[in-house]
């Protein structure tokens, strides 16, 4: 076994459309290394949805749909006019990351990901900030689930971890 985190794979589920996108990996990822994963239909990686993830979704939707404390008055020449008023509510994505079940496969490092779809890509997402549980993450043989709220990215085709 070499150094690095043993990444078995990642599953991303769009909770609005119900679509599931599977990104198998099966290799070790070194510190400060980025691995680009390609979506593979039909690949099997264990996933789950927690009660904590459902609570996060409810809270995020309430915050997005809450009326502003004060009314914004935008001038006619403002290039951003209308963008605030026509804002789409975010989509909930559940990201399940499976660590390999091999010796020294776990990691204590910060793990980031970016999602790339047919509509757009996301900025870098620090997964630990979106964890649905508070105990240690990325342990050998475990699947950790993260709930992220982002604008619609379309059909996922690539994931950078």
Protein backbone atom coordinates (compact mmCIF):
# COMPACT_ATOMS: atom_id res chain seq x y z
CA UNK A 1 0.00 0.00 0.00
CA UNK A 2 1.33 3.40 -1.00
CA UNK A 3 0.91 6.77 0.67
CA UNK A 4 -2.26 8.77 0.18
CA UNK A 5 -5.98 8.45 0.60
CA UNK A 6 -7.61 5.37 -0.91
CA UNK A 7 -10.59 6.75 -2.83
CA UNK A 8 -12.95 3.99 -3.93
CA UNK A 9 -15.42 6.34 -5.61
CA UNK A 10 -18.04 9.06 -5.32
CA UNK A 11 -21.80 9.08 -5.91
CA UNK A 12 -23.65 12.38 -6.43
CA UNK A 13 -27.45 12.42 -6.23
CA UNK A 14 -29.50 15.38 -7.51
CA UNK A 15 -32.32 15.38 -4.95
CA UNK A 16 -34.63 17.46 -7.17
CA UNK A 17 -34.51 15.23 -10.25
CA UNK A 18 -33.63 12.01 -8.44
CA UNK A 19 -30.75 11.41 -10.86
CA UNK A 20 -27.71 9.58 -9.51
CA UNK A 21 -24.22 9.98 -10.97
CA UNK A 22 -21.49 7.45 -10.09
CA UNK A 23 -17.77 8.23 -10.30
CA UNK A 24 -15.62 5.15 -9.51
CA UNK A 25 -11.94 5.75 -8.68
CA UNK A 26 -10.19 2.78 -7.02
CA UNK A 27 -6.82 4.47 -6.55
CA UNK A 28 -4.78 6.38 -3.99
CA UNK A 29 -4.89 10.17 -4.05
CA UNK A 30 -1.91 12.03 -2.60
CA UNK A 31 -2.01 15.22 -0.55
CA UNK A 32 -2.48 18.28 -2.79
CA UNK A 33 -3.33 16.00 -5.72
CA UNK A 34 -6.46 16.45 -7.84
CA UNK A 35 -8.03 13.46 -9.53
CA UNK A 36 -10.59 13.93 -12.32
CA UNK A 37 -13.31 11.29 -12.25
CA UNK A 38 -15.58 10.48 -15.18
CA UNK A 39 -19.21 9.46 -14.65
CA UNK A 40 -19.81 5.71 -15.18
CA UNK A 41 -23.45 4.64 -15.49
CA UNK A 42 -24.27 1.43 -13.63
CA UNK A 43 -21.19 1.44 -11.37
CA UNK A 44 -21.99 0.34 -7.80
CA UNK A 45 -20.95 2.40 -4.76
CA UNK A 46 -22.91 2.30 -1.49
CA UNK A 47 -24.92 5.47 -0.69
CA UNK A 48 -27.43 6.67 1.91
CA UNK A 49 -29.55 9.68 2.92
CA UNK A 50 -29.61 10.78 6.54
CA UNK A 51 -32.09 12.68 8.70
CA UNK A 52 -29.43 15.37 9.18
CA UNK A 53 -29.28 15.91 5.40
CA UNK A 54 -33.04 16.38 5.26
CA UNK A 55 -32.88 18.99 8.04
CA UNK A 56 -30.11 20.87 6.21
CA UNK A 57 -32.26 20.94 3.07
CA UNK A 58 -35.29 22.33 4.94
CA UNK A 59 -33.15 25.04 6.57
CA UNK A 60 -31.53 26.07 3.27
CA UNK A 61 -34.87 26.33 1.45
CA UNK A 62 -36.33 28.47 4.26
CA UNK A 63 -33.33 30.83 4.08
CA UNK A 64 -33.53 31.16 0.29
CA UNK A 65 -37.29 31.73 0.23
CA UNK A 66 -37.28 34.15 3.20
CA UNK A 67 -38.20 37.74 2.20
CA UNK A 68 -35.42 40.32 2.36
CA UNK A 69 -35.25 42.50 5.48
CA UNK A 70 -35.38 45.61 3.31
CA UNK A 71 -36.40 46.24 -0.28
CA UNK A 72 -33.57 46.72 -2.78
CA UNK A 73 -34.08 49.56 -5.28
CA UNK A 74 -32.06 48.96 -8.43
CA UNK A 75 -31.48 51.71 -10.97
CA UNK A 76 -32.46 51.06 -14.59
CA UNK A 77 -28.80 51.12 -15.69
CA UNK A 78 -27.80 48.40 -13.20
CA UNK A 79 -26.53 45.36 -15.21
CA UNK A 80 -27.56 43.03 -12.36
CA UNK A 81 -31.17 44.21 -12.24
CA UNK A 82 -33.54 41.27 -11.99
CA UNK A 83 -30.94 38.69 -11.06
CA UNK A 84 -31.77 38.95 -7.35
CA UNK A 85 -35.51 38.81 -7.96
CA UNK A 86 -35.38 35.84 -10.35
CA UNK A 87 -32.96 33.75 -8.29
CA UNK A 88 -33.59 30.02 -8.52
CA UNK A 89 -33.69 28.10 -5.27
CA UNK A 90 -30.59 25.91 -4.91
CA UNK A 91 -30.63 22.20 -5.73
CA UNK A 92 -29.71 19.73 -3.02
CA UNK A 93 -26.90 17.38 -4.00
CA UNK A 94 -26.00 14.47 -1.73
CA UNK A 95 -22.37 13.50 -2.28
CA UNK A 96 -21.35 10.08 -0.94
CA UNK A 97 -17.61 9.43 -0.80
CA UNK A 98 -16.38 5.88 -0.21
CA UNK A 99 -12.88 5.28 1.16
CA UNK A 100 -11.19 2.03 0.13
CA UNK A 101 -11.04 -0.84 2.61
CA UNK A 102 -7.26 -1.30 2.39
CA UNK A 103 -4.45 -0.68 4.87
CA UNK A 104 -3.80 3.05 5.51
CA UNK A 105 -6.59 4.08 3.10
CA UNK A 106 -8.10 6.77 5.36
CA UNK A 107 -7.08 10.42 5.51
CA UNK A 108 -7.25 13.36 7.92
CA UNK A 109 -6.70 15.83 5.07
CA UNK A 110 -9.24 18.36 3.88
CA UNK A 111 -11.00 16.98 0.81
CA UNK A 112 -12.45 19.30 -1.83
CA UNK A 113 -14.53 18.59 -4.92
CA UNK A 114 -15.85 20.41 -7.99
CA UNK A 115 -18.83 19.23 -10.01
CA UNK A 116 -19.02 19.75 -13.79
CA UNK A 117 -22.30 19.31 -15.65
CA UNK A 118 -23.97 20.13 -18.94
CA UNK A 119 -25.11 23.57 -17.65
CA UNK A 120 -22.16 24.73 -15.55
CA UNK A 121 -19.45 23.83 -13.04
CA UNK A 122 -19.21 24.65 -9.35
CA UNK A 123 -16.51 26.36 -7.37
CA UNK A 124 -14.34 24.23 -5.10
CA UNK A 125 -16.42 22.69 -2.27
CA UNK A 126 -14.78 21.72 1.05
CA UNK A 127 -16.65 18.52 1.84
CA UNK A 128 -16.11 18.50 5.62
CA UNK A 129 -18.10 21.77 5.84
CA UNK A 130 -21.13 19.91 4.44
CA UNK A 131 -20.88 16.66 6.44
CA UNK A 132 -24.11 15.06 7.63
CA UNK A 133 -22.36 13.56 10.66
CA UNK A 134 -19.84 14.97 13.11
CA UNK A 135 -17.55 12.01 13.78
CA UNK A 136 -14.31 11.41 11.86
CA UNK A 137 -14.50 11.45 8.09
CA UNK A 138 -12.74 9.46 5.36
CA UNK A 139 -11.94 6.42 7.49
CA UNK A 140 -10.93 3.10 5.93
CA UNK A 141 -13.94 1.28 4.47
CA UNK A 142 -16.45 4.02 5.31
CA UNK A 143 -18.90 5.92 3.13
CA UNK A 144 -19.35 9.55 4.18
CA UNK A 145 -22.28 11.63 2.95
CA UNK A 146 -22.22 15.39 2.38
CA UNK A 147 -25.17 17.64 1.56
CA UNK A 148 -24.42 20.56 -0.75
CA UNK A 149 -26.81 23.22 -2.10
CA UNK A 150 -25.76 24.62 -5.49
CA UNK A 151 -27.38 26.10 -8.56
CA UNK A 152 -28.44 23.51 -11.14
CA UNK A 153 -25.34 22.08 -12.88
CA UNK A 154 -27.27 19.88 -15.32
CA UNK A 155 -26.29 16.27 -15.99
CA UNK A 156 -23.01 15.62 -14.22
CA UNK A 157 -20.24 14.30 -16.41
CA UNK A 158 -17.05 15.03 -14.44
CA UNK A 159 -15.99 15.42 -10.83
CA UNK A 160 -12.65 16.75 -9.52
CA UNK A 161 -11.60 15.57 -6.05
